[in-house]
Amino acid sequence: MGTGTNVQKKLIAVHDLDIPWRPADLEQRAGRIIRQGNENKNVSIYRYVTKGTFDAYSYQTLENKQKFISQIMTSKTPARKCEVCRKNGLATK
């Protein structure tokens, strides 16, 4: 293959070796293989994570960020609610 060879039509798999900081970046990575014009209808996305490492923590953080963003975008009430607090304890209504 030479410079400028367009291989995007022949993609069958992508291997993610690191974790992005934003959910949109993860979605963009998947979009590079799941795209109009790819001749392969079935593609694979592989993400490598080692259990009990910072990678696992980063994926959990990324998942929480995506849940938060989805709640805001869909106007769904979050699972948690905030109460007004005083020094002595909870405020009365």
Protein backbone atom coordinates (compact mmCIF):
# COMPACT_ATOMS: atom_id res chain seq x y z
CA MET A 1 0.00 0.00 0.00
CA GLY A 2 1.15 3.46 -0.80
CA THR A 3 0.52 6.90 0.61
CA GLY A 4 -3.10 7.96 0.32
CA THR A 5 -4.48 4.43 0.04
CA ASN A 6 -8.09 4.42 1.19
CA VAL A 7 -8.58 1.31 3.33
CA GLN A 8 -11.69 2.53 5.15
CA LYS A 9 -13.92 0.45 2.86
CA LYS A 10 -12.21 -2.80 3.92
CA LEU A 11 -12.22 -2.51 7.74
CA ILE A 12 -13.31 -5.57 9.74
CA ALA A 13 -12.05 -4.86 13.28
CA VAL A 14 -10.74 -2.11 15.52
CA HIS A 15 -8.62 -2.69 18.65
CA ASP A 16 -8.78 -0.02 21.38
CA LEU A 17 -5.69 -0.18 23.58
CA ASP A 18 -6.33 2.95 25.62
CA ILE A 19 -9.32 4.75 27.13
CA PRO A 20 -10.39 8.21 25.98
CA TRP A 21 -11.43 10.86 28.51
CA ARG A 22 -14.78 11.70 26.89
CA PRO A 23 -17.65 9.40 25.85
CA ALA A 24 -17.85 11.23 22.51
CA ASP A 25 -14.28 10.17 21.73
CA LEU A 26 -15.19 6.53 22.31
CA GLU A 27 -18.20 6.91 20.03
CA GLN A 28 -16.02 8.52 17.36
CA ARG A 29 -13.63 5.56 17.45
CA ALA A 30 -16.51 3.18 16.78
CA GLY A 31 -17.75 5.50 14.04
CA ARG A 32 -14.48 5.08 12.18
CA ILE A 33 -15.30 1.44 11.48
CA ILE A 34 -19.12 1.52 11.51
CA ARG A 35 -19.54 3.86 8.59
CA GLN A 36 -21.39 4.13 5.36
CA GLY A 37 -19.32 2.74 2.54
CA ASN A 38 -17.61 -0.03 4.51
CA GLU A 39 -17.94 -3.18 2.40
CA ASN A 40 -18.02 -5.44 5.48
CA LYS A 41 -21.45 -5.62 7.11
CA ASN A 42 -20.14 -7.35 10.26
CA VAL A 43 -17.35 -5.58 12.11
CA SER A 44 -15.75 -6.19 15.51
CA ILE A 45 -14.69 -3.71 18.18
CA TYR A 46 -12.17 -5.02 20.73
CA ARG A 47 -11.40 -3.15 23.94
CA TYR A 48 -8.63 -4.44 26.15
CA VAL A 49 -8.93 -3.83 29.91
CA THR A 50 -6.97 -5.41 32.72
CA LYS A 51 -9.08 -6.15 35.79
CA GLY A 52 -8.17 -4.19 38.91
CA THR A 53 -6.12 -1.54 37.11
CA PHE A 54 -6.53 2.14 36.33
CA ASP A 55 -7.95 1.08 32.94
CA ALA A 56 -10.93 -0.54 34.65
CA TYR A 57 -11.45 2.55 36.80
CA SER A 58 -11.24 4.79 33.72
CA TYR A 59 -13.90 2.78 31.87
CA GLN A 60 -16.19 3.01 34.92
CA THR A 61 -15.65 6.77 35.04
CA LEU A 62 -16.36 7.01 31.32
CA GLU A 63 -19.58 5.02 31.78
CA ASN A 64 -20.70 7.33 34.62
CA LYS A 65 -19.99 10.38 32.48
CA GLN A 66 -22.11 8.92 29.67
CA LYS A 67 -25.00 8.17 32.06
CA PHE A 68 -24.88 11.75 33.36
CA ILE A 69 -24.83 13.21 29.84
CA SER A 70 -27.71 10.94 28.78
CA GLN A 71 -29.81 12.06 31.75
CA ILE A 72 -29.32 15.70 30.81
CA MET A 73 -29.98 15.14 27.11
CA THR A 74 -33.16 13.11 27.68
CA SER A 75 -34.43 15.26 30.59
CA LYS A 76 -34.86 12.19 32.78
CA THR A 77 -34.79 12.71 36.52
CA PRO A 78 -31.50 11.53 38.00
CA ALA A 79 -31.57 8.67 40.50
CA ARG A 80 -30.14 10.90 43.24
CA LYS A 81 -31.72 13.97 44.78
CA CYS A 82 -30.06 16.72 46.76
CA GLU A 83 -31.38 17.83 50.15
CA VAL A 84 -30.68 21.21 51.72
CA CYS A 85 -28.30 20.70 54.62
CA ARG A 86 -27.56 22.82 57.66
CA LYS A 87 -24.78 22.52 60.18
CA ASN A 88 -27.10 20.74 62.66
CA GLY A 89 -28.58 18.36 60.10
CA LEU A 90 -31.19 18.33 57.37
CA ALA A 91 -33.39 21.38 56.93
CA THR A 92 -37.11 21.01 57.48
CA LYS A 93 -39.55 21.88 54.75
